[in-house]
Amino acid sequence: NTGRPGSFGKHSLAQYVEAANQQIMVVAMIESAEGVRRAAEIASAPG
């Protein structure tokens, strides 16, 4: 809990969730040469 310096309590939960959702980034990390070779196959997997 950051208190006032972290803007705690300044925004409603809905406002916080909206702002947080706009700042989410998903990054894939390939950890092996095999993964690099199969990157297109991995990226095309559903879900």
PDB file of N, CA and C in Angstrom:
ATOM      1  N   ASN A   1       0.846  -1.172   0.000  1.00  0.00           N
ATOM      2  CA  ASN A   1       0.000   0.000   0.000  1.00  0.00           C
ATOM      3  C   ASN A   1       0.891   1.233   0.000  1.00  0.00           C
ATOM      4  N   THR A   2       0.761   2.069  -1.006  1.00  0.00           N
ATOM      5  CA  THR A   2       1.659   3.213  -1.154  1.00  0.00           C
ATOM      6  C   THR A   2       1.160   4.471  -0.470  1.00  0.00           C
ATOM      7  N   GLY A   3      -0.088   4.487  -0.048  1.00  0.00           N
ATOM      8  CA  GLY A   3      -0.613   5.690   0.581  1.00  0.00           C
ATOM      9  C   GLY A   3      -0.777   6.827  -0.404  1.00  0.00           C
ATOM     10  N   ARG A   4      -0.773   8.028   0.094  1.00  0.00           N
ATOM     11  CA  ARG A   4      -1.008   9.201  -0.761  1.00  0.00           C
ATOM     12  C   ARG A   4       0.025   9.399  -1.863  1.00  0.00           C
ATOM     13  N   PRO A   5       1.323   9.189  -1.607  1.00  0.00           N
ATOM     14  CA  PRO A   5       2.292   9.384  -2.701  1.00  0.00           C
ATOM     15  C   PRO A   5       2.008   8.520  -3.927  1.00  0.00           C
ATOM     16  N   GLY A   6       1.407   7.368  -3.726  1.00  0.00           N
ATOM     17  CA  GLY A   6       1.087   6.475  -4.839  1.00  0.00           C
ATOM     18  C   GLY A   6      -0.327   6.659  -5.350  1.00  0.00           C
ATOM     19  N   SER A   7      -0.969   7.746  -4.972  1.00  0.00           N
ATOM     20  CA  SER A   7      -2.341   8.084  -5.389  1.00  0.00           C
ATOM     21  C   SER A   7      -3.376   7.113  -4.842  1.00  0.00           C
ATOM     22  N   PHE A   8      -3.075   6.440  -3.736  1.00  0.00           N
ATOM     23  CA  PHE A   8      -4.034   5.513  -3.144  1.00  0.00           C
ATOM     24  C   PHE A   8      -5.302   6.261  -2.768  1.00  0.00           C
ATOM     25  N   GLY A   9      -6.435   5.760  -3.211  1.00  0.00           N
ATOM     26  CA  GLY A   9      -7.718   6.355  -2.868  1.00  0.00           C
ATOM     27  C   GLY A   9      -8.155   7.507  -3.755  1.00  0.00           C
ATOM     28  N   LYS A  10      -7.334   7.914  -4.715  1.00  0.00           N
ATOM     29  CA  LYS A  10      -7.696   9.033  -5.594  1.00  0.00           C
ATOM     30  C   LYS A  10      -8.632   8.615  -6.719  1.00  0.00           C
ATOM     31  N   HIS A  11      -8.652   7.324  -7.034  1.00  0.00           N
ATOM     32  CA  HIS A  11      -9.443   6.843  -8.159  1.00  0.00           C
ATOM     33  C   HIS A  11     -10.327   5.687  -7.707  1.00  0.00           C
ATOM     34  N   SER A  12     -11.447   5.546  -8.388  1.00  0.00           N
ATOM     35  CA  SER A  12     -12.326   4.415  -8.086  1.00  0.00           C
ATOM     36  C   SER A  12     -11.689   3.130  -8.617  1.00  0.00           C
ATOM     37  N   LEU A  13     -12.211   2.004  -8.169  1.00  0.00           N
ATOM     38  CA  LEU A  13     -11.710   0.723  -8.661  1.00  0.00           C
ATOM     39  C   LEU A  13     -11.874   0.633 -10.175  1.00  0.00           C
ATOM     40  N   ALA A  14     -13.008   1.073 -10.687  1.00  0.00           N
ATOM     41  CA  ALA A  14     -13.253   1.018 -12.135  1.00  0.00           C
ATOM     42  C   ALA A  14     -12.223   1.855 -12.893  1.00  0.00           C
ATOM     43  N   GLN A  15     -11.890   3.041 -12.378  1.00  0.00           N
ATOM     44  CA  GLN A  15     -10.887   3.887 -13.028  1.00  0.00           C
ATOM     45  C   GLN A  15      -9.511   3.224 -12.991  1.00  0.00           C
ATOM     46  N   TYR A  16      -9.184   2.626 -11.856  1.00  0.00           N
ATOM     47  CA  TYR A  16      -7.898   1.943 -11.732  1.00  0.00           C
ATOM     48  C   TYR A  16      -7.795   0.779 -12.716  1.00  0.00           C
ATOM     49  N   VAL A  17      -8.841  -0.045 -12.777  1.00  0.00           N
ATOM     50  CA  VAL A  17      -8.830  -1.208 -13.665  1.00  0.00           C
ATOM     51  C   VAL A  17      -8.710  -0.764 -15.117  1.00  0.00           C
ATOM     52  N   GLU A  18      -9.431   0.274 -15.503  1.00  0.00           N
ATOM     53  CA  GLU A  18      -9.353   0.791 -16.874  1.00  0.00           C
ATOM     54  C   GLU A  18      -7.929   1.246 -17.194  1.00  0.00           C
ATOM     55  N   ALA A  19      -7.324   2.016 -16.303  1.00  0.00           N
ATOM     56  CA  ALA A  19      -5.962   2.504 -16.531  1.00  0.00           C
ATOM     57  C   ALA A  19      -4.964   1.349 -16.553  1.00  0.00           C
ATOM     58  N   ALA A  20      -5.114   0.410 -15.638  1.00  0.00           N
ATOM     59  CA  ALA A  20      -4.197  -0.730 -15.582  1.00  0.00           C
ATOM     60  C   ALA A  20      -4.302  -1.573 -16.847  1.00  0.00           C
ATOM     61  N   ASN A  21      -5.507  -1.794 -17.335  1.00  0.00           N
ATOM     62  CA  ASN A  21      -5.701  -2.599 -18.542  1.00  0.00           C
ATOM     63  C   ASN A  21      -5.088  -1.937 -19.767  1.00  0.00           C
ATOM     64  N   GLN A  22      -5.016  -0.614 -19.785  1.00  0.00           N
ATOM     65  CA  GLN A  22      -4.425   0.089 -20.922  1.00  0.00           C
ATOM     66  C   GLN A  22      -2.901   0.007 -20.912  1.00  0.00           C
ATOM     67  N   GLN A  23      -2.318  -0.391 -19.776  1.00  0.00           N
ATOM     68  CA  GLN A  23      -0.866  -0.409 -19.643  1.00  0.00           C
ATOM     69  C   GLN A  23      -0.273  -1.817 -19.633  1.00  0.00           C
ATOM     70  N   ILE A  24      -1.086  -2.821 -19.860  1.00  0.00           N
ATOM     71  CA  ILE A  24      -0.601  -4.200 -19.831  1.00  0.00           C
ATOM     72  C   ILE A  24       0.128  -4.530 -21.129  1.00  0.00           C
ATOM     73  N   MET A  25       1.257  -5.198 -20.990  1.00  0.00           N
ATOM     74  CA  MET A  25       2.012  -5.645 -22.153  1.00  0.00           C
ATOM     75  C   MET A  25       2.310  -7.137 -21.977  1.00  0.00           C
ATOM     76  N   VAL A  26       2.098  -7.884 -23.017  1.00  0.00           N
ATOM     77  CA  VAL A  26       2.417  -9.311 -22.996  1.00  0.00           C
ATOM     78  C   VAL A  26       3.631  -9.518 -23.891  1.00  0.00           C
ATOM     79  N   VAL A  27       4.634 -10.190 -23.364  1.00  0.00           N
ATOM     80  CA  VAL A  27       5.873 -10.409 -24.098  1.00  0.00           C
ATOM     81  C   VAL A  27       6.182 -11.901 -24.112  1.00  0.00           C
ATOM     82  N   ALA A  28       6.453 -12.419 -25.286  1.00  0.00           N
ATOM     83  CA  ALA A  28       6.850 -13.824 -25.395  1.00  0.00           C
ATOM     84  C   ALA A  28       8.365 -13.915 -25.256  1.00  0.00           C
ATOM     85  N   MET A  29       8.828 -14.902 -24.517  1.00  0.00           N
ATOM     86  CA  MET A  29      10.260 -15.100 -24.352  1.00  0.00           C
ATOM     87  C   MET A  29      10.627 -16.481 -24.888  1.00  0.00           C
ATOM     88  N   ILE A  30      11.473 -16.495 -25.889  1.00  0.00           N
ATOM     89  CA  ILE A  30      11.938 -17.755 -26.468  1.00  0.00           C
ATOM     90  C   ILE A  30      13.266 -18.086 -25.804  1.00  0.00           C
ATOM     91  N   GLU A  31      13.349 -19.283 -25.231  1.00  0.00           N
ATOM     92  CA  GLU A  31      14.498 -19.624 -24.399  1.00  0.00           C
ATOM     93  C   GLU A  31      15.467 -20.617 -25.028  1.00  0.00           C
ATOM     94  N   SER A  32      15.220 -21.022 -26.268  1.00  0.00           N
ATOM     95  CA  SER A  32      16.125 -22.008 -26.871  1.00  0.00           C
ATOM     96  C   SER A  32      16.170 -21.827 -28.381  1.00  0.00           C
ATOM     97  N   ALA A  33      17.187 -22.410 -28.999  1.00  0.00           N
ATOM     98  CA  ALA A  33      17.295 -22.380 -30.459  1.00  0.00           C
ATOM     99  C   ALA A  33      16.116 -23.113 -31.086  1.00  0.00           C
ATOM    100  N   GLU A  34      15.676 -24.198 -30.466  1.00  0.00           N
ATOM    101  CA  GLU A  34      14.501 -24.934 -30.958  1.00  0.00           C
ATOM    102  C   GLU A  34      13.274 -24.028 -30.944  1.00  0.00           C
ATOM    103  N   GLY A  35      13.128 -23.242 -29.907  1.00  0.00           N
ATOM    104  CA  GLY A  35      12.011 -22.306 -29.833  1.00  0.00           C
ATOM    105  C   GLY A  35      12.061 -21.267 -30.939  1.00  0.00           C
ATOM    106  N   VAL A  36      13.256 -20.783 -31.256  1.00  0.00           N
ATOM    107  CA  VAL A  36      13.417 -19.820 -32.350  1.00  0.00           C
ATOM    108  C   VAL A  36      13.009 -20.462 -33.664  1.00  0.00           C
ATOM    109  N   ARG A  37      13.444 -21.691 -33.884  1.00  0.00           N
ATOM    110  CA  ARG A  37      13.091 -22.383 -35.127  1.00  0.00           C
ATOM    111  C   ARG A  37      11.582 -22.591 -35.243  1.00  0.00           C
ATOM    112  N   ARG A  38      10.910 -22.765 -34.122  1.00  0.00           N
ATOM    113  CA  ARG A  38       9.476 -23.063 -34.143  1.00  0.00           C
ATOM    114  C   ARG A  38       8.616 -21.857 -33.745  1.00  0.00           C
ATOM    115  N   ALA A  39       9.189 -20.658 -33.754  1.00  0.00           N
ATOM    116  CA  ALA A  39       8.486 -19.463 -33.290  1.00  0.00           C
ATOM    117  C   ALA A  39       7.179 -19.223 -34.042  1.00  0.00           C
ATOM    118  N   ALA A  40       7.175 -19.365 -35.351  1.00  0.00           N
ATOM    119  CA  ALA A  40       5.947 -19.142 -36.127  1.00  0.00           C
ATOM    120  C   ALA A  40       4.871 -20.148 -35.727  1.00  0.00           C
ATOM    121  N   GLU A  41       5.265 -21.392 -35.535  1.00  0.00           N
ATOM    122  CA  GLU A  41       4.315 -22.429 -35.117  1.00  0.00           C
ATOM    123  C   GLU A  41       3.760 -22.124 -33.724  1.00  0.00           C
ATOM    124  N   ILE A  42       4.634 -21.717 -32.828  1.00  0.00           N
ATOM    125  CA  ILE A  42       4.211 -21.387 -31.466  1.00  0.00           C
ATOM    126  C   ILE A  42       3.262 -20.195 -31.482  1.00  0.00           C
ATOM    127  N   ALA A  43       3.598 -19.167 -32.251  1.00  0.00           N
ATOM    128  CA  ALA A  43       2.776 -17.957 -32.302  1.00  0.00           C
ATOM    129  C   ALA A  43       1.411 -18.207 -32.930  1.00  0.00           C
ATOM    130  N   SER A  44       1.295 -19.221 -33.764  1.00  0.00           N
ATOM    131  CA  SER A  44       0.013 -19.480 -34.427  1.00  0.00           C
ATOM    132  C   SER A  44      -0.912 -20.371 -33.600  1.00  0.00           C
ATOM    133  N   ALA A  45      -0.445 -20.828 -32.445  1.00  0.00           N
ATOM    134  CA  ALA A  45      -1.286 -21.682 -31.589  1.00  0.00           C
ATOM    135  C   ALA A  45      -2.468 -20.878 -31.051  1.00  0.00           C
ATOM    136  N   PRO A  46      -3.670 -21.440 -31.070  1.00  0.00           N
ATOM    137  CA  PRO A  46      -4.831 -20.717 -30.548  1.00  0.00           C
ATOM    138  C   PRO A  46      -4.688 -20.450 -29.048  1.00  0.00           C
ATOM    139  N   GLY A  47      -5.260 -19.320 -28.621  1.00  0.00           N
ATOM    140  CA  GLY A  47      -5.292 -18.987 -27.199  1.00  0.00           C
ATOM    141  C   GLY A  47      -4.092 -18.259 -26.783  1.00  0.00           C
TER     142      GLY A  47
END
